[in-house]
Amino acid sequence: MSMNRIVVLMLAIFVLEGSLMPWLIPTTYSDRIIPHFTFVLVIFSALYGSRYQALILGMSFGLLQDIIYYGHVIGPHFFFMGLLGYTIGVLLERRKATLLLAISVVGFACLAYDSALYFVYATFKITNGTYPWALIQYILPSLFLQLVFTLCVYVPIRKMFEKLMRSAETSDEM
């Protein structure tokens, strides 16, 4: 499994979260639930890959999100996706990530990611709600969606990243 397949998978997930998910989310929640599935895959990359891989994937897909979906301010998704991916990769580098740890890390990372984006948008007066309102209205419902997605893709994504890391280790030994 090469890194190219991971990038193609993430591109497919990126397109699906922008095109298919708005159709699947009920209309009453369409303005409250924001899917960040590519960010979840960046966190998996930090847990089961390397911190540098998570940094590069986070920065590239964050910039793609900044340009395509959120054109108000260019850079917050780029910065926070890369930063959180790298930080989680550093903190959990030598640790075996179980299902419970992966769900916890994804939950805290998504909460930190959406909170940081809220504060950047509040600084530039793009949003006018308070943080408790934003937490209840869209951060926690989006977090629930990300955690459900994490549970659904945990096993295949973990195996894909572990296979990639094993193939990278064997190619380094040769």
N, C-alpha and C. Protein backbone atom coordinates (compact mmCIF):
# COMPACT_ATOMS: atom_id res chain seq x y z
N MET A 1 0.86 -1.17 0.00
CA MET A 1 0.00 0.00 0.00
C MET A 1 0.89 1.23 0.00
N SER A 2 0.75 2.04 -0.99
CA SER A 2 1.60 3.22 -1.08
C SER A 2 0.88 4.45 -0.57
N MET A 3 1.64 5.48 -0.39
CA MET A 3 1.07 6.75 0.07
C MET A 3 0.11 7.31 -0.97
N ASN A 4 0.30 6.98 -2.23
CA ASN A 4 -0.59 7.46 -3.29
C ASN A 4 -2.02 6.98 -3.07
N ARG A 5 -2.18 5.75 -2.60
CA ARG A 5 -3.53 5.24 -2.34
C ARG A 5 -4.19 5.97 -1.19
N ILE A 6 -3.42 6.34 -0.19
CA ILE A 6 -3.98 7.10 0.92
C ILE A 6 -4.43 8.47 0.45
N VAL A 7 -3.62 9.11 -0.39
CA VAL A 7 -3.99 10.42 -0.91
C VAL A 7 -5.24 10.33 -1.79
N VAL A 8 -5.32 9.30 -2.62
CA VAL A 8 -6.51 9.11 -3.46
C VAL A 8 -7.74 8.84 -2.59
N LEU A 9 -7.59 8.03 -1.55
CA LEU A 9 -8.70 7.78 -0.63
C LEU A 9 -9.14 9.07 0.06
N MET A 10 -8.18 9.87 0.50
CA MET A 10 -8.52 11.12 1.16
C MET A 10 -9.17 12.10 0.19
N LEU A 11 -8.74 12.11 -1.05
CA LEU A 11 -9.40 12.96 -2.05
C LEU A 11 -10.84 12.52 -2.28
N ALA A 12 -11.06 11.21 -2.32
CA ALA A 12 -12.42 10.70 -2.48
C ALA A 12 -13.28 11.07 -1.28
N ILE A 13 -12.75 10.93 -0.08
CA ILE A 13 -13.48 11.31 1.13
C ILE A 13 -13.75 12.81 1.14
N PHE A 14 -12.77 13.59 0.69
CA PHE A 14 -12.93 15.05 0.62
C PHE A 14 -14.07 15.43 -0.31
N VAL A 15 -14.14 14.78 -1.45
CA VAL A 15 -15.21 15.07 -2.40
C VAL A 15 -16.56 14.60 -1.84
N LEU A 16 -16.58 13.44 -1.21
CA LEU A 16 -17.83 12.93 -0.63
C LEU A 16 -18.35 13.80 0.51
N GLU A 17 -17.45 14.32 1.33
CA GLU A 17 -17.92 15.16 2.43
C GLU A 17 -18.46 16.50 1.95
N GLY A 18 -18.07 16.90 0.77
CA GLY A 18 -18.59 18.16 0.23
C GLY A 18 -19.75 18.00 -0.71
N SER A 19 -19.90 16.81 -1.29
CA SER A 19 -20.97 16.64 -2.27
C SER A 19 -22.09 15.72 -1.79
N LEU A 20 -21.77 14.61 -1.18
CA LEU A 20 -22.78 13.64 -0.77
C LEU A 20 -23.34 13.93 0.63
N MET A 21 -22.49 14.35 1.55
CA MET A 21 -22.93 14.56 2.94
C MET A 21 -24.02 15.63 3.07
N PRO A 22 -23.97 16.73 2.34
CA PRO A 22 -25.09 17.68 2.46
C PRO A 22 -26.44 17.07 2.07
N TRP A 23 -26.44 16.07 1.21
CA TRP A 23 -27.69 15.40 0.83
C TRP A 23 -28.14 14.42 1.90
N LEU A 24 -27.18 13.82 2.63
CA LEU A 24 -27.52 12.82 3.63
C LEU A 24 -27.90 13.41 4.99
N ILE A 25 -27.39 14.59 5.29
CA ILE A 25 -27.71 15.24 6.56
C ILE A 25 -29.11 15.82 6.46
N PRO A 26 -29.97 15.57 7.46
CA PRO A 26 -31.33 16.13 7.41
C PRO A 26 -31.30 17.66 7.32
N THR A 27 -32.31 18.21 6.66
CA THR A 27 -32.31 19.65 6.41
C THR A 27 -32.38 20.48 7.70
N THR A 28 -32.96 19.94 8.75
CA THR A 28 -33.01 20.69 10.01
C THR A 28 -31.62 20.81 10.65
N TYR A 29 -30.71 19.89 10.31
CA TYR A 29 -29.36 19.93 10.86
C TYR A 29 -28.31 20.35 9.84
N SER A 30 -28.71 20.72 8.65
CA SER A 30 -27.74 20.99 7.59
C SER A 30 -26.84 22.18 7.90
N ASP A 31 -27.33 23.15 8.63
CA ASP A 31 -26.47 24.28 8.99
C ASP A 31 -25.74 24.07 10.31
N ARG A 32 -26.00 22.96 11.00
CA ARG A 32 -25.39 22.69 12.29
C ARG A 32 -24.30 21.63 12.24
N ILE A 33 -24.38 20.69 11.31
CA ILE A 33 -23.42 19.59 11.25
C ILE A 33 -22.46 19.83 10.09
N ILE A 34 -21.18 19.90 10.43
CA ILE A 34 -20.14 20.15 9.44
C ILE A 34 -19.21 18.93 9.45
N PRO A 35 -19.20 18.13 8.39
CA PRO A 35 -18.33 16.95 8.39
C PRO A 35 -16.87 17.32 8.15
N HIS A 36 -15.99 16.73 8.94
CA HIS A 36 -14.54 16.89 8.79
C HIS A 36 -13.91 15.51 8.69
N PHE A 37 -14.31 14.74 7.70
CA PHE A 37 -13.81 13.37 7.58
C PHE A 37 -12.34 13.32 7.19
N THR A 38 -11.89 14.26 6.39
CA THR A 38 -10.47 14.27 6.03
C THR A 38 -9.61 14.56 7.26
N PHE A 39 -10.13 15.36 8.17
CA PHE A 39 -9.39 15.62 9.41
C PHE A 39 -9.28 14.34 10.24
N VAL A 40 -10.32 13.55 10.27
CA VAL A 40 -10.29 12.27 10.99
C VAL A 40 -9.21 11.37 10.37
N LEU A 41 -9.09 11.36 9.05
CA LEU A 41 -8.06 10.56 8.41
C LEU A 41 -6.66 11.11 8.69
N VAL A 42 -6.53 12.42 8.85
CA VAL A 42 -5.25 13.00 9.25
C VAL A 42 -4.88 12.52 10.66
N ILE A 43 -5.86 12.45 11.54
CA ILE A 43 -5.60 11.97 12.90
C ILE A 43 -5.20 10.48 12.87
N PHE A 44 -5.87 9.70 12.03
CA PHE A 44 -5.47 8.29 11.88
C PHE A 44 -4.05 8.20 11.34
N SER A 45 -3.70 9.10 10.45
CA SER A 45 -2.34 9.12 9.92
C SER A 45 -1.34 9.42 11.03
N ALA A 46 -1.69 10.30 11.95
CA ALA A 46 -0.80 10.59 13.08
C ALA A 46 -0.72 9.42 14.04
N LEU A 47 -1.83 8.69 14.23
CA LEU A 47 -1.84 7.57 15.16
C LEU A 47 -1.12 6.35 14.61
N TYR A 48 -1.35 6.03 13.36
CA TYR A 48 -0.85 4.79 12.78
C TYR A 48 0.22 4.99 11.73
N GLY A 49 0.49 6.22 11.37
CA GLY A 49 1.55 6.52 10.42
C GLY A 49 2.67 7.25 11.13
N SER A 50 3.09 8.35 10.54
CA SER A 50 4.12 9.17 11.17
C SER A 50 3.63 10.59 11.33
N ARG A 51 4.30 11.32 12.18
CA ARG A 51 3.89 12.70 12.42
C ARG A 51 4.12 13.57 11.20
N TYR A 52 5.15 13.27 10.42
CA TYR A 52 5.43 14.05 9.22
C TYR A 52 4.38 13.80 8.15
N GLN A 53 3.96 12.57 8.05
CA GLN A 53 2.89 12.22 7.11
C GLN A 53 1.60 12.95 7.49
N ALA A 54 1.29 12.99 8.79
CA ALA A 54 0.10 13.70 9.26
C ALA A 54 0.22 15.19 9.01
N LEU A 55 1.40 15.73 9.19
CA LEU A 55 1.62 17.16 8.94
C LEU A 55 1.38 17.50 7.48
N ILE A 56 1.96 16.73 6.58
CA ILE A 56 1.82 17.00 5.14
C ILE A 56 0.38 16.80 4.69
N LEU A 57 -0.25 15.71 5.12
CA LEU A 57 -1.65 15.48 4.75
C LEU A 57 -2.56 16.56 5.32
N GLY A 58 -2.33 16.93 6.59
CA GLY A 58 -3.15 17.96 7.22
C GLY A 58 -3.02 19.30 6.54
N MET A 59 -1.79 19.68 6.22
CA MET A 59 -1.59 20.97 5.57
C MET A 59 -2.16 20.99 4.16
N SER A 60 -1.98 19.91 3.43
CA SER A 60 -2.46 19.92 2.04
C SER A 60 -3.99 19.88 1.97
N PHE A 61 -4.61 19.03 2.76
CA PHE A 61 -6.08 18.97 2.72
C PHE A 61 -6.71 20.15 3.46
N GLY A 62 -6.02 20.72 4.43
CA GLY A 62 -6.50 21.93 5.07
C GLY A 62 -6.50 23.10 4.10
N LEU A 63 -5.44 23.22 3.31
CA LEU A 63 -5.40 24.29 2.30
C LEU A 63 -6.47 24.07 1.24
N LEU A 64 -6.69 22.82 0.88
CA LEU A 64 -7.76 22.51 -0.08
C LEU A 64 -9.13 22.91 0.49
N GLN A 65 -9.36 22.66 1.76
CA GLN A 65 -10.62 23.08 2.37
C GLN A 65 -10.72 24.60 2.44
N ASP A 66 -9.62 25.26 2.77
CA ASP A 66 -9.64 26.72 2.81
C ASP A 66 -10.01 27.32 1.47
N ILE A 67 -9.46 26.77 0.42
CA ILE A 67 -9.69 27.33 -0.91
C ILE A 67 -11.07 26.98 -1.44
N ILE A 68 -11.49 25.74 -1.30
CA ILE A 68 -12.74 25.30 -1.93
C ILE A 68 -13.97 25.64 -1.10
N TYR A 69 -13.96 25.32 0.18
CA TYR A 69 -15.18 25.44 0.98
C TYR A 69 -15.27 26.72 1.80
N TYR A 70 -14.18 27.13 2.40
CA TYR A 70 -14.23 28.23 3.35
C TYR A 70 -13.33 29.35 2.87
N GLY A 71 -13.81 30.16 1.98
CA GLY A 71 -13.00 31.21 1.37
C GLY A 71 -12.92 32.49 2.16
N HIS A 72 -13.51 32.53 3.37
CA HIS A 72 -13.49 33.78 4.14
C HIS A 72 -12.07 34.18 4.52
N VAL A 73 -11.35 33.25 5.09
CA VAL A 73 -9.98 33.48 5.53
C VAL A 73 -9.17 32.28 5.05
N ILE A 74 -8.13 32.53 4.29
CA ILE A 74 -7.29 31.44 3.80
C ILE A 74 -6.22 31.14 4.84
N GLY A 75 -6.19 29.91 5.33
CA GLY A 75 -5.13 29.50 6.22
C GLY A 75 -5.50 28.82 7.51
N PRO A 76 -6.67 29.07 8.12
CA PRO A 76 -6.91 28.42 9.42
C PRO A 76 -7.00 26.90 9.34
N HIS A 77 -7.68 26.37 8.35
CA HIS A 77 -7.77 24.91 8.20
C HIS A 77 -6.39 24.34 7.88
N PHE A 78 -5.66 25.02 7.02
CA PHE A 78 -4.30 24.62 6.67
C PHE A 78 -3.44 24.52 7.93
N PHE A 79 -3.47 25.54 8.75
CA PHE A 79 -2.63 25.60 9.93
C PHE A 79 -3.06 24.59 11.00
N PHE A 80 -4.34 24.59 11.34
CA PHE A 80 -4.78 23.76 12.47
C PHE A 80 -4.82 22.28 12.12
N MET A 81 -5.14 21.91 10.89
CA MET A 81 -5.10 20.49 10.52
C MET A 81 -3.67 19.97 10.60
N GLY A 82 -2.74 20.73 10.05
CA GLY A 82 -1.34 20.31 10.11
C GLY A 82 -0.79 20.29 11.52
N LEU A 83 -1.10 21.34 12.29
CA LEU A 83 -0.60 21.44 13.66
C LEU A 83 -1.14 20.33 14.55
N LEU A 84 -2.43 20.09 14.49
CA LEU A 84 -3.01 19.03 15.34
C LEU A 84 -2.54 17.65 14.91
N GLY A 85 -2.42 17.42 13.60
CA GLY A 85 -1.90 16.14 13.14
C GLY A 85 -0.48 15.90 13.62
N TYR A 86 0.37 16.92 13.51
CA TYR A 86 1.76 16.79 13.95
C TYR A 86 1.84 16.61 15.47
N THR A 87 1.06 17.40 16.21
CA THR A 87 1.09 17.33 17.67
C THR A 87 0.65 15.96 18.17
N ILE A 88 -0.42 15.43 17.60
CA ILE A 88 -0.87 14.09 18.01
C ILE A 88 0.16 13.05 17.63
N GLY A 89 0.79 13.21 16.48
CA GLY A 89 1.85 12.29 16.09
C GLY A 89 3.02 12.31 17.05
N VAL A 90 3.38 13.50 17.56
CA VAL A 90 4.48 13.61 18.52
C VAL A 90 4.07 13.02 19.88
N LEU A 91 2.87 13.35 20.34
CA LEU A 91 2.45 12.89 21.66
C LEU A 91 2.24 11.38 21.74
N LEU A 92 1.78 10.78 20.67
CA LEU A 92 1.46 9.35 20.70
C LEU A 92 2.37 8.53 19.78
N GLU A 93 3.58 8.98 19.60
CA GLU A 93 4.49 8.33 18.66
C GLU A 93 4.85 6.91 19.05
N ARG A 94 5.13 6.68 20.28
CA ARG A 94 5.59 5.36 20.73
C ARG A 94 4.47 4.54 21.38
N ARG A 95 3.28 4.98 21.25
CA ARG A 95 2.16 4.34 21.93
C ARG A 95 1.34 3.50 20.97
N LYS A 96 0.94 2.32 21.40
CA LYS A 96 0.05 1.48 20.59
C LYS A 96 -1.36 2.03 20.72
N ALA A 97 -1.95 2.42 19.61
CA ALA A 97 -3.26 3.06 19.62
C ALA A 97 -4.36 1.99 19.51
N THR A 98 -5.14 1.87 20.56
CA THR A 98 -6.29 0.96 20.56
C THR A 98 -7.52 1.70 20.07
N LEU A 99 -8.63 0.99 19.98
CA LEU A 99 -9.88 1.62 19.53
C LEU A 99 -10.31 2.74 20.47
N LEU A 100 -10.25 2.49 21.77
CA LEU A 100 -10.67 3.50 22.73
C LEU A 100 -9.77 4.73 22.67
N LEU A 101 -8.47 4.53 22.53
CA LEU A 101 -7.55 5.65 22.42
C LEU A 101 -7.80 6.43 21.13
N ALA A 102 -8.03 5.71 20.05
CA ALA A 102 -8.28 6.37 18.77
C ALA A 102 -9.55 7.22 18.83
N ILE A 103 -10.61 6.68 19.41
CA ILE A 103 -11.86 7.44 19.51
C ILE A 103 -11.67 8.66 20.41
N SER A 104 -10.96 8.49 21.51
CA SER A 104 -10.71 9.61 22.42
C SER A 104 -9.88 10.70 21.76
N VAL A 105 -8.84 10.29 21.07
CA VAL A 105 -7.97 11.26 20.41
C VAL A 105 -8.72 11.98 19.30
N VAL A 106 -9.49 11.27 18.51
CA VAL A 106 -10.27 11.91 17.46
C VAL A 106 -11.28 12.88 18.07
N GLY A 107 -11.92 12.49 19.16
CA GLY A 107 -12.88 13.37 19.81
C GLY A 107 -12.25 14.65 20.31
N PHE A 108 -11.13 14.53 21.04
CA PHE A 108 -10.47 15.72 21.55
C PHE A 108 -9.89 16.57 20.42
N ALA A 109 -9.35 15.93 19.40
CA ALA A 109 -8.77 16.68 18.29
C ALA A 109 -9.85 17.44 17.51
N CYS A 110 -10.99 16.81 17.28
CA CYS A 110 -12.08 17.49 16.57
C CYS A 110 -12.63 18.64 17.39
N LEU A 111 -12.72 18.45 18.70
CA LEU A 111 -13.17 19.52 19.58
C LEU A 111 -12.17 20.69 19.55
N ALA A 112 -10.89 20.38 19.62
CA ALA A 112 -9.87 21.43 19.57
C ALA A 112 -9.85 22.12 18.20
N TYR A 113 -10.01 21.34 17.13
CA TYR A 113 -10.00 21.89 15.77
C TYR A 113 -11.16 22.85 15.56
N ASP A 114 -12.37 22.43 15.89
CA ASP A 114 -13.53 23.29 15.70
C ASP A 114 -13.48 24.50 16.63
N SER A 115 -12.98 24.32 17.85
CA SER A 115 -12.87 25.45 18.77
C SER A 115 -11.85 26.47 18.27
N ALA A 116 -10.71 25.99 17.79
CA ALA A 116 -9.70 26.91 17.26
C ALA A 116 -10.23 27.67 16.04
N LEU A 117 -10.96 26.96 15.17
CA LEU A 117 -11.55 27.64 14.02
C LEU A 117 -12.57 28.68 14.45
N TYR A 118 -13.36 28.35 15.48
CA TYR A 118 -14.32 29.33 15.98
C TYR A 118 -13.61 30.59 16.46
N PHE A 119 -12.53 30.43 17.22
CA PHE A 119 -11.83 31.59 17.77
C PHE A 119 -11.16 32.42 16.67
N VAL A 120 -10.66 31.77 15.65
CA VAL A 120 -10.09 32.54 14.52
C VAL A 120 -11.20 33.31 13.82
N TYR A 121 -12.32 32.66 13.56
CA TYR A 121 -13.43 33.35 12.89
C TYR A 121 -14.02 34.44 13.78
N ALA A 122 -14.03 34.24 15.09
CA ALA A 122 -14.52 35.29 15.99
C ALA A 122 -13.55 36.47 16.02
N THR A 123 -12.26 36.21 15.93
CA THR A 123 -11.27 37.28 15.91
C THR A 123 -11.46 38.18 14.68
N PHE A 124 -11.74 37.57 13.54
CA PHE A 124 -11.93 38.34 12.32
C PHE A 124 -13.39 38.73 12.08
N LYS A 125 -14.23 38.57 13.09
CA LYS A 125 -15.64 38.96 13.05
C LYS A 125 -16.43 38.29 11.92
N ILE A 126 -16.07 37.05 11.60
CA ILE A 126 -16.82 36.29 10.61
C ILE A 126 -18.03 35.63 11.27
N THR A 127 -17.88 35.25 12.53
CA THR A 127 -18.99 34.71 13.30
C THR A 127 -19.32 35.67 14.44
N ASN A 128 -20.57 35.73 14.81
CA ASN A 128 -20.94 36.67 15.85
C ASN A 128 -21.57 36.00 17.07
N GLY A 129 -21.62 34.69 17.11
CA GLY A 129 -22.17 33.98 18.27
C GLY A 129 -21.13 33.82 19.35
N THR A 130 -21.59 33.50 20.56
CA THR A 130 -20.66 33.24 21.66
C THR A 130 -20.15 31.80 21.56
N TYR A 131 -19.09 31.52 22.32
CA TYR A 131 -18.53 30.17 22.26
C TYR A 131 -19.49 29.11 22.79
N PRO A 132 -20.19 29.34 23.91
CA PRO A 132 -21.15 28.31 24.35
C PRO A 132 -22.25 28.05 23.32
N TRP A 133 -22.70 29.08 22.64
CA TRP A 133 -23.70 28.90 21.59
C TRP A 133 -23.12 28.05 20.45
N ALA A 134 -21.89 28.38 20.03
CA ALA A 134 -21.25 27.62 18.95
C ALA A 134 -21.00 26.18 19.36
N LEU A 135 -20.64 25.98 20.61
CA LEU A 135 -20.39 24.62 21.11
C LEU A 135 -21.65 23.77 21.02
N ILE A 136 -22.77 24.32 21.43
CA ILE A 136 -24.03 23.58 21.42
C ILE A 136 -24.60 23.47 20.00
N GLN A 137 -24.49 24.52 19.22
CA GLN A 137 -25.14 24.57 17.92
C GLN A 137 -24.44 23.75 16.85
N TYR A 138 -23.10 23.83 16.76
CA TYR A 138 -22.47 23.09 15.67
C TYR A 138 -21.21 22.32 16.03
N ILE A 139 -20.52 22.63 17.11
CA ILE A 139 -19.30 21.88 17.43
C ILE A 139 -19.64 20.48 17.94
N LEU A 140 -20.55 20.37 18.90
CA LEU A 140 -20.89 19.04 19.44
C LEU A 140 -21.66 18.16 18.45
N PRO A 141 -22.64 18.69 17.68
CA PRO A 141 -23.26 17.82 16.66
C PRO A 141 -22.27 17.34 15.60
N SER A 142 -21.34 18.21 15.22
CA SER A 142 -20.31 17.80 14.26
C SER A 142 -19.38 16.76 14.87
N LEU A 143 -19.06 16.93 16.14
CA LEU A 143 -18.22 15.96 16.84
C LEU A 143 -18.86 14.58 16.86
N PHE A 144 -20.16 14.53 17.09
CA PHE A 144 -20.87 13.26 17.07
C PHE A 144 -20.75 12.58 15.70
N LEU A 145 -20.90 13.35 14.63
CA LEU A 145 -20.76 12.79 13.28
C LEU A 145 -19.34 12.27 13.03
N GLN A 146 -18.34 13.02 13.47
CA GLN A 146 -16.96 12.56 13.30
C GLN A 146 -16.69 11.28 14.07
N LEU A 147 -17.25 11.15 15.28
CA LEU A 147 -17.04 9.94 16.07
C LEU A 147 -17.74 8.73 15.46
N VAL A 148 -18.91 8.93 14.89
CA VAL A 148 -19.60 7.83 14.19
C VAL A 148 -18.77 7.41 12.97
N PHE A 149 -18.25 8.37 12.24
CA PHE A 149 -17.40 8.06 11.09
C PHE A 149 -16.14 7.31 11.54
N THR A 150 -15.56 7.72 12.66
CA THR A 150 -14.37 7.05 13.19
C THR A 150 -14.66 5.59 13.50
N LEU A 151 -15.79 5.33 14.13
CA LEU A 151 -16.16 3.95 14.43
C LEU A 151 -16.37 3.13 13.15
N CYS A 152 -16.93 3.74 12.14
CA CYS A 152 -17.22 3.01 10.91
C CYS A 152 -15.96 2.64 10.12
N VAL A 153 -14.96 3.50 10.14
CA VAL A 153 -13.78 3.26 9.30
C VAL A 153 -12.55 2.84 10.09
N TYR A 154 -12.68 2.60 11.38
CA TYR A 154 -11.51 2.33 12.22
C TYR A 154 -10.69 1.14 11.72
N VAL A 155 -11.32 0.00 11.56
CA VAL A 155 -10.57 -1.22 11.22
C VAL A 155 -9.91 -1.13 9.83
N PRO A 156 -10.64 -0.77 8.76
CA PRO A 156 -9.96 -0.74 7.46
C PRO A 156 -8.87 0.33 7.36
N ILE A 157 -9.09 1.48 7.97
CA ILE A 157 -8.08 2.54 7.89
C ILE A 157 -6.85 2.16 8.72
N ARG A 158 -7.05 1.58 9.89
CA ARG A 158 -5.92 1.15 10.71
C ARG A 158 -5.07 0.12 9.96
N LYS A 159 -5.75 -0.85 9.34
CA LYS A 159 -5.01 -1.87 8.61
C LYS A 159 -4.27 -1.27 7.42
N MET A 160 -4.88 -0.30 6.75
CA MET A 160 -4.24 0.33 5.60
C MET A 160 -2.98 1.09 6.03
N PHE A 161 -3.05 1.85 7.11
CA PHE A 161 -1.88 2.59 7.58
C PHE A 161 -0.81 1.66 8.13
N GLU A 162 -1.21 0.60 8.83
CA GLU A 162 -0.22 -0.35 9.34
C GLU A 162 0.48 -1.08 8.21
N LYS A 163 -0.25 -1.42 7.15
CA LYS A 163 0.37 -2.05 5.99
C LYS A 163 1.35 -1.10 5.32
N LEU A 164 0.99 0.17 5.23
CA LEU A 164 1.88 1.17 4.64
C LEU A 164 3.15 1.31 5.47
N MET A 165 3.01 1.34 6.79
CA MET A 165 4.19 1.48 7.65
C MET A 165 5.08 0.23 7.60
N ARG A 166 4.46 -0.97 7.52
CA ARG A 166 5.26 -2.19 7.39
C ARG A 166 6.02 -2.21 6.07
N SER A 167 5.37 -1.80 4.99
CA SER A 167 6.05 -1.79 3.70
C SER A 167 7.16 -0.73 3.68
N ALA A 168 6.98 0.37 4.38
CA ALA A 168 8.02 1.39 4.46
C ALA A 168 9.20 0.88 5.27
N GLU A 169 8.94 0.13 6.35
CA GLU A 169 10.03 -0.42 7.16
C GLU A 169 10.81 -1.48 6.39
N THR A 170 10.12 -2.33 5.64
CA THR A 170 10.83 -3.35 4.87
C THR A 170 11.63 -2.74 3.73
N SER A 171 11.16 -1.67 3.14
CA SER A 171 11.93 -1.03 2.07
C SER A 171 13.14 -0.29 2.65
N ASP A 172 13.06 0.18 3.91
CA ASP A 172 14.20 0.81 4.56
C ASP A 172 15.27 -0.21 4.91
N GLU A 173 14.87 -1.44 5.22
CA GLU A 173 15.83 -2.48 5.58
C GLU A 173 16.61 -2.99 4.39
N MET A 174 16.06 -2.89 3.21
CA MET A 174 16.74 -3.42 2.02
C MET A 174 17.81 -2.50 1.55
